[in-house]
Amino acid sequence: MSDGPKFDSKMIRSFILYEFLQKRKINEGFHNLSKIISNDVIGFDEFQFWFTRFSEGKQDLDFQINDETSGQTDRRTEKEEEEEEEMSLGV
């Protein structure tokens, strides 16, 4: 017999995105998700990572977190965006 529904990473991220789109506060969103799945499936830190990422407009559910480079990809992208903006302004 099954222990309950199994949630894959993409489904969990979809729940987090839904909570963000409903304009919930991060703690409220985590609480709502915790009613559905246990905290050992996703902790607050990971929930916060995804919630913050979605709030920055980065809503790709397939993005993979790499422990060694976590945050570096985003920082590089932001730097590239700043450089492109400066170039377009002629700075």
PDB file of N, CA and C in Angstrom:
ATOM      1  N   MET A   1       0.834  -1.179   0.000  1.00  0.00           N
ATOM      2  CA  MET A   1       0.000   0.000   0.000  1.00  0.00           C
ATOM      3  C   MET A   1       0.883   1.249   0.000  1.00  0.00           C
ATOM      4  N   SER A   2       0.451   2.295  -0.672  1.00  0.00           N
ATOM      5  CA  SER A   2       1.231   3.519  -0.820  1.00  0.00           C
ATOM      6  C   SER A   2       1.188   4.367   0.445  1.00  0.00           C
ATOM      7  N   ASP A   3       2.286   5.093   0.702  1.00  0.00           N
ATOM      8  CA  ASP A   3       2.359   6.003   1.842  1.00  0.00           C
ATOM      9  C   ASP A   3       1.675   7.328   1.548  1.00  0.00           C
ATOM     10  N   GLY A   4       1.172   7.516   0.366  1.00  0.00           N
ATOM     11  CA  GLY A   4       0.559   8.782  -0.027  1.00  0.00           C
ATOM     12  C   GLY A   4       1.097   9.204  -1.375  1.00  0.00           C
ATOM     13  N   PRO A   5       0.622  10.324  -1.844  1.00  0.00           N
ATOM     14  CA  PRO A   5       1.052  10.764  -3.172  1.00  0.00           C
ATOM     15  C   PRO A   5       2.533  11.126  -3.197  1.00  0.00           C
ATOM     16  N   LYS A   6       3.158  10.859  -4.329  1.00  0.00           N
ATOM     17  CA  LYS A   6       4.565  11.227  -4.530  1.00  0.00           C
ATOM     18  C   LYS A   6       4.594  12.496  -5.371  1.00  0.00           C
ATOM     19  N   PHE A   7       5.390  13.454  -4.959  1.00  0.00           N
ATOM     20  CA  PHE A   7       5.483  14.729  -5.657  1.00  0.00           C
ATOM     21  C   PHE A   7       6.875  14.867  -6.255  1.00  0.00           C
ATOM     22  N   ASP A   8       6.940  15.090  -7.571  1.00  0.00           N
ATOM     23  CA  ASP A   8       8.246  15.323  -8.180  1.00  0.00           C
ATOM     24  C   ASP A   8       8.617  16.798  -8.053  1.00  0.00           C
ATOM     25  N   SER A   9       9.863  17.101  -8.353  1.00  0.00           N
ATOM     26  CA  SER A   9      10.380  18.465  -8.174  1.00  0.00           C
ATOM     27  C   SER A   9       9.582  19.499  -8.950  1.00  0.00           C
ATOM     28  N   LYS A  10       9.226  19.165 -10.180  1.00  0.00           N
ATOM     29  CA  LYS A  10       8.499  20.124 -11.018  1.00  0.00           C
ATOM     30  C   LYS A  10       7.114  20.417 -10.441  1.00  0.00           C
ATOM     31  N   MET A  11       6.470  19.409  -9.897  1.00  0.00           N
ATOM     32  CA  MET A  11       5.152  19.602  -9.297  1.00  0.00           C
ATOM     33  C   MET A  11       5.258  20.495  -8.052  1.00  0.00           C
ATOM     34  N   ILE A  12       6.275  20.269  -7.240  1.00  0.00           N
ATOM     35  CA  ILE A  12       6.475  21.089  -6.040  1.00  0.00           C
ATOM     36  C   ILE A  12       6.741  22.535  -6.436  1.00  0.00           C
ATOM     37  N   ARG A  13       7.572  22.721  -7.465  1.00  0.00           N
ATOM     38  CA  ARG A  13       7.850  24.078  -7.944  1.00  0.00           C
ATOM     39  C   ARG A  13       6.584  24.741  -8.467  1.00  0.00           C
ATOM     40  N   SER A  14       5.714  23.957  -9.081  1.00  0.00           N
ATOM     41  CA  SER A  14       4.431  24.491  -9.557  1.00  0.00           C
ATOM     42  C   SER A  14       3.585  24.982  -8.391  1.00  0.00           C
ATOM     43  N   PHE A  15       3.585  24.230  -7.291  1.00  0.00           N
ATOM     44  CA  PHE A  15       2.856  24.660  -6.092  1.00  0.00           C
ATOM     45  C   PHE A  15       3.423  25.980  -5.567  1.00  0.00           C
ATOM     46  N   ILE A  16       4.757  26.078  -5.552  1.00  0.00           N
ATOM     47  CA  ILE A  16       5.408  27.301  -5.058  1.00  0.00           C
ATOM     48  C   ILE A  16       5.073  28.476  -5.969  1.00  0.00           C
ATOM     49  N   LEU A  17       5.127  28.251  -7.276  1.00  0.00           N
ATOM     50  CA  LEU A  17       4.778  29.307  -8.229  1.00  0.00           C
ATOM     51  C   LEU A  17       3.330  29.739  -8.025  1.00  0.00           C
ATOM     52  N   TYR A  18       2.442  28.779  -7.804  1.00  0.00           N
ATOM     53  CA  TYR A  18       1.037  29.108  -7.553  1.00  0.00           C
ATOM     54  C   TYR A  18       0.906  29.998  -6.320  1.00  0.00           C
ATOM     55  N   GLU A  19       1.593  29.644  -5.250  1.00  0.00           N
ATOM     56  CA  GLU A  19       1.536  30.447  -4.023  1.00  0.00           C
ATOM     57  C   GLU A  19       2.048  31.864  -4.289  1.00  0.00           C
ATOM     58  N   PHE A  20       3.122  31.974  -5.079  1.00  0.00           N
ATOM     59  CA  PHE A  20       3.644  33.296  -5.423  1.00  0.00           C
ATOM     60  C   PHE A  20       2.616  34.083  -6.241  1.00  0.00           C
ATOM     61  N   LEU A  21       2.039  33.452  -7.246  1.00  0.00           N
ATOM     62  CA  LEU A  21       1.075  34.137  -8.111  1.00  0.00           C
ATOM     63  C   LEU A  21      -0.184  34.550  -7.357  1.00  0.00           C
ATOM     64  N   GLN A  22      -0.483  33.855  -6.259  1.00  0.00           N
ATOM     65  CA  GLN A  22      -1.627  34.220  -5.421  1.00  0.00           C
ATOM     66  C   GLN A  22      -1.281  35.368  -4.475  1.00  0.00           C
ATOM     67  N   LYS A  23      -0.054  35.881  -4.615  1.00  0.00           N
ATOM     68  CA  LYS A  23       0.441  37.019  -3.821  1.00  0.00           C
ATOM     69  C   LYS A  23       0.496  36.715  -2.321  1.00  0.00           C
ATOM     70  N   ARG A  24       0.790  35.452  -2.022  1.00  0.00           N
ATOM     71  CA  ARG A  24       0.935  35.064  -0.628  1.00  0.00           C
ATOM     72  C   ARG A  24       2.303  35.516  -0.115  1.00  0.00           C
ATOM     73  N   LYS A  25       2.387  35.724   1.175  1.00  0.00           N
ATOM     74  CA  LYS A  25       3.684  35.970   1.808  1.00  0.00           C
ATOM     75  C   LYS A  25       4.425  34.642   1.843  1.00  0.00           C
ATOM     76  N   ILE A  26       5.743  34.715   1.890  1.00  0.00           N
ATOM     77  CA  ILE A  26       6.548  33.502   1.792  1.00  0.00           C
ATOM     78  C   ILE A  26       6.227  32.503   2.907  1.00  0.00           C
ATOM     79  N   ASN A  27       6.050  32.978   4.145  1.00  0.00           N
ATOM     80  CA  ASN A  27       5.736  32.068   5.260  1.00  0.00           C
ATOM     81  C   ASN A  27       4.373  31.420   5.084  1.00  0.00           C
ATOM     82  N   GLU A  28       3.410  32.186   4.585  1.00  0.00           N
ATOM     83  CA  GLU A  28       2.074  31.643   4.347  1.00  0.00           C
ATOM     84  C   GLU A  28       2.117  30.588   3.243  1.00  0.00           C
ATOM     85  N   GLY A  29       2.872  30.873   2.182  1.00  0.00           N
ATOM     86  CA  GLY A  29       3.008  29.911   1.091  1.00  0.00           C
ATOM     87  C   GLY A  29       3.641  28.615   1.558  1.00  0.00           C
ATOM     88  N   PHE A  30       4.690  28.732   2.373  1.00  0.00           N
ATOM     89  CA  PHE A  30       5.354  27.535   2.895  1.00  0.00           C
ATOM     90  C   PHE A  30       4.407  26.745   3.791  1.00  0.00           C
ATOM     91  N   HIS A  31       3.656  27.447   4.614  1.00  0.00           N
ATOM     92  CA  HIS A  31       2.682  26.791   5.486  1.00  0.00           C
ATOM     93  C   HIS A  31       1.650  26.028   4.650  1.00  0.00           C
ATOM     94  N   ASN A  32       1.151  26.663   3.592  1.00  0.00           N
ATOM     95  CA  ASN A  32       0.161  26.008   2.728  1.00  0.00           C
ATOM     96  C   ASN A  32       0.738  24.763   2.067  1.00  0.00           C
ATOM     97  N   LEU A  33       1.978  24.854   1.586  1.00  0.00           N
ATOM     98  CA  LEU A  33       2.610  23.696   0.959  1.00  0.00           C
ATOM     99  C   LEU A  33       2.845  22.595   1.984  1.00  0.00           C
ATOM    100  N   SER A  34       3.185  22.978   3.206  1.00  0.00           N
ATOM    101  CA  SER A  34       3.438  21.999   4.266  1.00  0.00           C
ATOM    102  C   SER A  34       2.187  21.206   4.636  1.00  0.00           C
ATOM    103  N   LYS A  35       1.017  21.752   4.340  1.00  0.00           N
ATOM    104  CA  LYS A  35      -0.229  21.018   4.576  1.00  0.00           C
ATOM    105  C   LYS A  35      -0.367  19.858   3.591  1.00  0.00           C
ATOM    106  N   ILE A  36       0.291  19.999   2.424  1.00  0.00           N
ATOM    107  CA  ILE A  36       0.167  19.002   1.362  1.00  0.00           C
ATOM    108  C   ILE A  36       1.300  17.985   1.409  1.00  0.00           C
ATOM    109  N   ILE A  37       2.526  18.480   1.636  1.00  0.00           N
ATOM    110  CA  ILE A  37       3.686  17.592   1.675  1.00  0.00           C
ATOM    111  C   ILE A  37       4.459  17.830   2.965  1.00  0.00           C
ATOM    112  N   SER A  38       5.269  16.860   3.340  1.00  0.00           N
ATOM    113  CA  SER A  38       6.017  16.995   4.593  1.00  0.00           C
ATOM    114  C   SER A  38       7.268  17.847   4.397  1.00  0.00           C
ATOM    115  N   ASN A  39       7.768  18.386   5.492  1.00  0.00           N
ATOM    116  CA  ASN A  39       8.950  19.245   5.456  1.00  0.00           C
ATOM    117  C   ASN A  39      10.213  18.496   5.052  1.00  0.00           C
ATOM    118  N   ASP A  40      10.200  17.160   5.109  1.00  0.00           N
ATOM    119  CA  ASP A  40      11.397  16.432   4.693  1.00  0.00           C
ATOM    120  C   ASP A  40      11.486  16.320   3.171  1.00  0.00           C
ATOM    121  N   VAL A  41      10.419  16.677   2.456  1.00  0.00           N
ATOM    122  CA  VAL A  41      10.441  16.693   0.993  1.00  0.00           C
ATOM    123  C   VAL A  41      11.061  17.994   0.497  1.00  0.00           C
ATOM    124  N   ILE A  42      10.678  19.106   1.101  1.00  0.00           N
ATOM    125  CA  ILE A  42      11.259  20.409   0.771  1.00  0.00           C
ATOM    126  C   ILE A  42      11.286  21.254   2.043  1.00  0.00           C
ATOM    127  N   GLY A  43      12.452  21.782   2.345  1.00  0.00           N
ATOM    128  CA  GLY A  43      12.606  22.628   3.519  1.00  0.00           C
ATOM    129  C   GLY A  43      12.342  24.086   3.181  1.00  0.00           C
ATOM    130  N   PHE A  44      12.327  24.907   4.210  1.00  0.00           N
ATOM    131  CA  PHE A  44      12.039  26.325   4.010  1.00  0.00           C
ATOM    132  C   PHE A  44      13.084  27.002   3.125  1.00  0.00           C
ATOM    133  N   ASP A  45      14.365  26.644   3.290  1.00  0.00           N
ATOM    134  CA  ASP A  45      15.420  27.287   2.489  1.00  0.00           C
ATOM    135  C   ASP A  45      15.204  27.075   0.995  1.00  0.00           C
ATOM    136  N   GLU A  46      14.882  25.846   0.608  1.00  0.00           N
ATOM    137  CA  GLU A  46      14.639  25.574  -0.816  1.00  0.00           C
ATOM    138  C   GLU A  46      13.358  26.260  -1.283  1.00  0.00           C
ATOM    139  N   PHE A  47      12.324  26.227  -0.434  1.00  0.00           N
ATOM    140  CA  PHE A  47      11.082  26.928  -0.769  1.00  0.00           C
ATOM    141  C   PHE A  47      11.378  28.400  -0.996  1.00  0.00           C
ATOM    142  N   GLN A  48      12.154  29.005  -0.102  1.00  0.00           N
ATOM    143  CA  GLN A  48      12.501  30.424  -0.200  1.00  0.00           C
ATOM    144  C   GLN A  48      13.283  30.705  -1.484  1.00  0.00           C
ATOM    145  N   PHE A  49      14.206  29.810  -1.842  1.00  0.00           N
ATOM    146  CA  PHE A  49      14.972  29.974  -3.082  1.00  0.00           C
ATOM    147  C   PHE A  49      14.028  30.096  -4.273  1.00  0.00           C
ATOM    148  N   TRP A  50      13.100  29.152  -4.382  1.00  0.00           N
ATOM    149  CA  TRP A  50      12.191  29.147  -5.533  1.00  0.00           C
ATOM    150  C   TRP A  50      11.222  30.319  -5.482  1.00  0.00           C
ATOM    151  N   PHE A  51      10.683  30.625  -4.329  1.00  0.00           N
ATOM    152  CA  PHE A  51       9.738  31.733  -4.186  1.00  0.00           C
ATOM    153  C   PHE A  51      10.414  33.045  -4.597  1.00  0.00           C
ATOM    154  N   THR A  52      11.640  33.246  -4.122  1.00  0.00           N
ATOM    155  CA  THR A  52      12.391  34.455  -4.461  1.00  0.00           C
ATOM    156  C   THR A  52      12.703  34.485  -5.948  1.00  0.00           C
ATOM    157  N   ARG A  53      13.102  33.362  -6.489  1.00  0.00           N
ATOM    158  CA  ARG A  53      13.401  33.270  -7.926  1.00  0.00           C
ATOM    159  C   ARG A  53      12.170  33.655  -8.747  1.00  0.00           C
ATOM    160  N   PHE A  54      11.011  33.132  -8.363  1.00  0.00           N
ATOM    161  CA  PHE A  54       9.780  33.464  -9.081  1.00  0.00           C
ATOM    162  C   PHE A  54       9.456  34.948  -8.946  1.00  0.00           C
ATOM    163  N   SER A  55       9.707  35.508  -7.771  1.00  0.00           N
ATOM    164  CA  SER A  55       9.415  36.932  -7.562  1.00  0.00           C
ATOM    165  C   SER A  55      10.322  37.827  -8.407  1.00  0.00           C
ATOM    166  N   GLU A  56      11.469  37.291  -8.831  1.00  0.00           N
ATOM    167  CA  GLU A  56      12.393  38.030  -9.699  1.00  0.00           C
ATOM    168  C   GLU A  56      12.035  37.863 -11.175  1.00  0.00           C
ATOM    169  N   GLY A  57      10.931  37.171 -11.446  1.00  0.00           N
ATOM    170  CA  GLY A  57      10.499  36.972 -12.824  1.00  0.00           C
ATOM    171  C   GLY A  57      11.101  35.749 -13.491  1.00  0.00           C
ATOM    172  N   LYS A  58      11.873  34.978 -12.754  1.00  0.00           N
ATOM    173  CA  LYS A  58      12.510  33.767 -13.291  1.00  0.00           C
ATOM    174  C   LYS A  58      11.610  32.580 -12.967  1.00  0.00           C
ATOM    175  N   GLN A  59      10.692  32.279 -13.876  1.00  0.00           N
ATOM    176  CA  GLN A  59       9.659  31.295 -13.579  1.00  0.00           C
ATOM    177  C   GLN A  59       9.837  29.988 -14.339  1.00  0.00           C
ATOM    178  N   ASP A  60      11.085  29.646 -14.664  1.00  0.00           N
ATOM    179  CA  ASP A  60      11.405  28.394 -15.342  1.00  0.00           C
ATOM    180  C   ASP A  60      11.379  27.254 -14.327  1.00  0.00           C
ATOM    181  N   LEU A  61      10.430  26.362 -14.473  1.00  0.00           N
ATOM    182  CA  LEU A  61      10.288  25.251 -13.529  1.00  0.00           C
ATOM    183  C   LEU A  61      11.352  24.178 -13.727  1.00  0.00           C
ATOM    184  N   ASP A  62      12.050  24.196 -14.864  1.00  0.00           N
ATOM    185  CA  ASP A  62      13.058  23.178 -15.160  1.00  0.00           C
ATOM    186  C   ASP A  62      14.465  23.574 -14.733  1.00  0.00           C
ATOM    187  N   PHE A  63      14.645  24.773 -14.184  1.00  0.00           N
ATOM    188  CA  PHE A  63      15.959  25.227 -13.736  1.00  0.00           C
ATOM    189  C   PHE A  63      16.495  24.252 -12.698  1.00  0.00           C
ATOM    190  N   GLN A  64      17.778  23.909 -12.817  1.00  0.00           N
ATOM    191  CA  GLN A  64      18.406  22.981 -11.878  1.00  0.00           C
ATOM    192  C   GLN A  64      19.385  23.724 -10.983  1.00  0.00           C
ATOM    193  N   ILE A  65      19.272  23.505  -9.695  1.00  0.00           N
ATOM    194  CA  ILE A  65      20.193  24.106  -8.733  1.00  0.00           C
ATOM    195  C   ILE A  65      21.441  23.237  -8.678  1.00  0.00           C
ATOM    196  N   ASN A  66      22.602  23.848  -8.858  1.00  0.00           N
ATOM    197  CA  ASN A  66      23.873  23.153  -8.760  1.00  0.00           C
ATOM    198  C   ASN A  66      24.565  23.686  -7.513  1.00  0.00           C
ATOM    199  N   ASP A  67      24.823  22.824  -6.562  1.00  0.00           N
ATOM    200  CA  ASP A  67      25.400  23.251  -5.285  1.00  0.00           C
ATOM    201  C   ASP A  67      26.689  24.054  -5.454  1.00  0.00           C
ATOM    202  N   GLU A  68      27.522  23.679  -6.413  1.00  0.00           N
ATOM    203  CA  GLU A  68      28.806  24.358  -6.581  1.00  0.00           C
ATOM    204  C   GLU A  68      28.646  25.748  -7.180  1.00  0.00           C
ATOM    205  N   THR A  69      27.650  25.921  -8.021  1.00  0.00           N
ATOM    206  CA  THR A  69      27.509  27.200  -8.725  1.00  0.00           C
ATOM    207  C   THR A  69      26.219  27.909  -8.371  1.00  0.00           C
ATOM    208  N   SER A  70      25.549  27.483  -7.319  1.00  0.00           N
ATOM    209  CA  SER A  70      24.269  28.100  -7.001  1.00  0.00           C
ATOM    210  C   SER A  70      24.430  29.600  -6.858  1.00  0.00           C
ATOM    211  N   GLY A  71      23.625  30.313  -7.609  1.00  0.00           N
ATOM    212  CA  GLY A  71      23.667  31.761  -7.595  1.00  0.00           C
ATOM    213  C   GLY A  71      24.624  32.354  -8.609  1.00  0.00           C
ATOM    214  N   GLN A  72      25.692  31.634  -8.980  1.00  0.00           N
ATOM    215  CA  GLN A  72      26.662  32.192  -9.918  1.00  0.00           C
ATOM    216  C   GLN A  72      26.058  32.395 -11.295  1.00  0.00           C
ATOM    217  N   THR A  73      25.253  31.463 -11.750  1.00  0.00           N
ATOM    218  CA  THR A  73      24.626  31.598 -13.062  1.00  0.00           C
ATOM    219  C   THR A  73      23.757  32.836 -13.090  1.00  0.00           C
ATOM    220  N   ASP A  74      22.954  33.035 -12.049  1.00  0.00           N
ATOM    221  CA  ASP A  74      22.075  34.194 -12.004  1.00  0.00           C
ATOM    222  C   ASP A  74      22.879  35.484 -11.933  1.00  0.00           C
ATOM    223  N   ARG A  75      23.952  35.498 -11.147  1.00  0.00           N
ATOM    224  CA  ARG A  75      24.764  36.706 -11.037  1.00  0.00           C
ATOM    225  C   ARG A  75      25.389  37.055 -12.378  1.00  0.00           C
ATOM    226  N   ARG A  76      25.882  36.041 -13.090  1.00  0.00           N
ATOM    227  CA  ARG A  76      26.478  36.283 -14.391  1.00  0.00           C
ATOM    228  C   ARG A  76      25.435  36.849 -15.343  1.00  0.00           C
ATOM    229  N   THR A  77      24.259  36.297 -15.328  1.00  0.00           N
ATOM    230  CA  THR A  77      23.190  36.761 -16.193  1.00  0.00           C
ATOM    231  C   THR A  77      22.836  38.204 -15.867  1.00  0.00           C
ATOM    232  N   GLU A  78      22.732  38.539 -14.598  1.00  0.00           N
ATOM    233  CA  GLU A  78      22.420  39.909 -14.207  1.00  0.00           C
ATOM    234  C   GLU A  78      23.522  40.856 -14.660  1.00  0.00           C
ATOM    235  N   LYS A  79      24.776  40.416 -14.521  1.00  0.00           N
ATOM    236  CA  LYS A  79      25.905  41.248 -14.955  1.00  0.00           C
ATOM    237  C   LYS A  79      25.840  41.454 -16.462  1.00  0.00           C
ATOM    238  N   GLU A  80      25.549  40.398 -17.200  1.00  0.00           N
ATOM    239  CA  GLU A  80      25.426  40.520 -18.651  1.00  0.00           C
ATOM    240  C   GLU A  80      24.299  41.474 -19.021  1.00  0.00           C
ATOM    241  N   GLU A  81      23.187  41.389 -18.294  1.00  0.00           N
ATOM    242  CA  GLU A  81      22.068  42.291 -18.560  1.00  0.00           C
ATOM    243  C   GLU A  81      22.470  43.737 -18.301  1.00  0.00           C
ATOM    244  N   GLU A  82      23.214  43.978 -17.219  1.00  0.00           N
ATOM    245  CA  GLU A  82      23.675  45.333 -16.901  1.00  0.00           C
ATOM    246  C   GLU A  82      24.595  45.853 -18.001  1.00  0.00           C
ATOM    247  N   GLU A  83      25.498  44.987 -18.482  1.00  0.00           N
ATOM    248  CA  GLU A  83      26.417  45.395 -19.543  1.00  0.00           C
ATOM    249  C   GLU A  83      25.661  45.721 -20.825  1.00  0.00           C
ATOM    250  N   GLU A  84      24.654  44.900 -21.156  1.00  0.00           N
ATOM    251  CA  GLU A  84      23.854  45.163 -22.348  1.00  0.00           C
ATOM    252  C   GLU A  84      23.109  46.485 -22.218  1.00  0.00           C
ATOM    253  N   GLU A  85      22.572  46.746 -21.024  1.00  0.00           N
ATOM    254  CA  GLU A  85      21.850  47.994 -20.795  1.00  0.00           C
ATOM    255  C   GLU A  85      22.792  49.187 -20.936  1.00  0.00           C
ATOM    256  N   GLU A  86      23.997  49.058 -20.368  1.00  0.00           N
ATOM    257  CA  GLU A  86      24.979  50.137 -20.476  1.00  0.00           C
ATOM    258  C   GLU A  86      25.351  50.387 -21.934  1.00  0.00           C
ATOM    259  N   MET A  87      25.514  49.308 -22.703  1.00  0.00           N
ATOM    260  CA  MET A  87      25.865  49.452 -24.114  1.00  0.00           C
ATOM    261  C   MET A  87      24.744  50.141 -24.886  1.00  0.00           C
ATOM    262  N   SER A  88      23.497  49.785 -24.560  1.00  0.00           N
ATOM    263  CA  SER A  88      22.372  50.391 -25.276  1.00  0.00           C
ATOM    264  C   SER A  88      22.206  51.866 -24.919  1.00  0.00           C
ATOM    265  N   LEU A  89      22.677  52.252 -23.724  1.00  0.00           N
ATOM    266  CA  LEU A  89      22.612  53.653 -23.306  1.00  0.00           C
ATOM    267  C   LEU A  89      23.842  54.433 -23.756  1.00  0.00           C
ATOM    268  N   GLY A  90      24.825  53.720 -24.302  1.00  0.00           N
ATOM    269  CA  GLY A  90      26.044  54.364 -24.759  1.00  0.00           C
ATOM    270  C   GLY A  90      26.981  54.748 -23.639  1.00  0.00           C
ATOM    271  N   VAL A  91      26.895  54.029 -22.505  1.00  0.00           N
ATOM    272  CA  VAL A  91      27.745  54.328 -21.342  1.00  0.00           C
ATOM    273  C   VAL A  91      29.106  53.711 -21.527  1.00  0.00           C
TER     274      VAL A  91
END
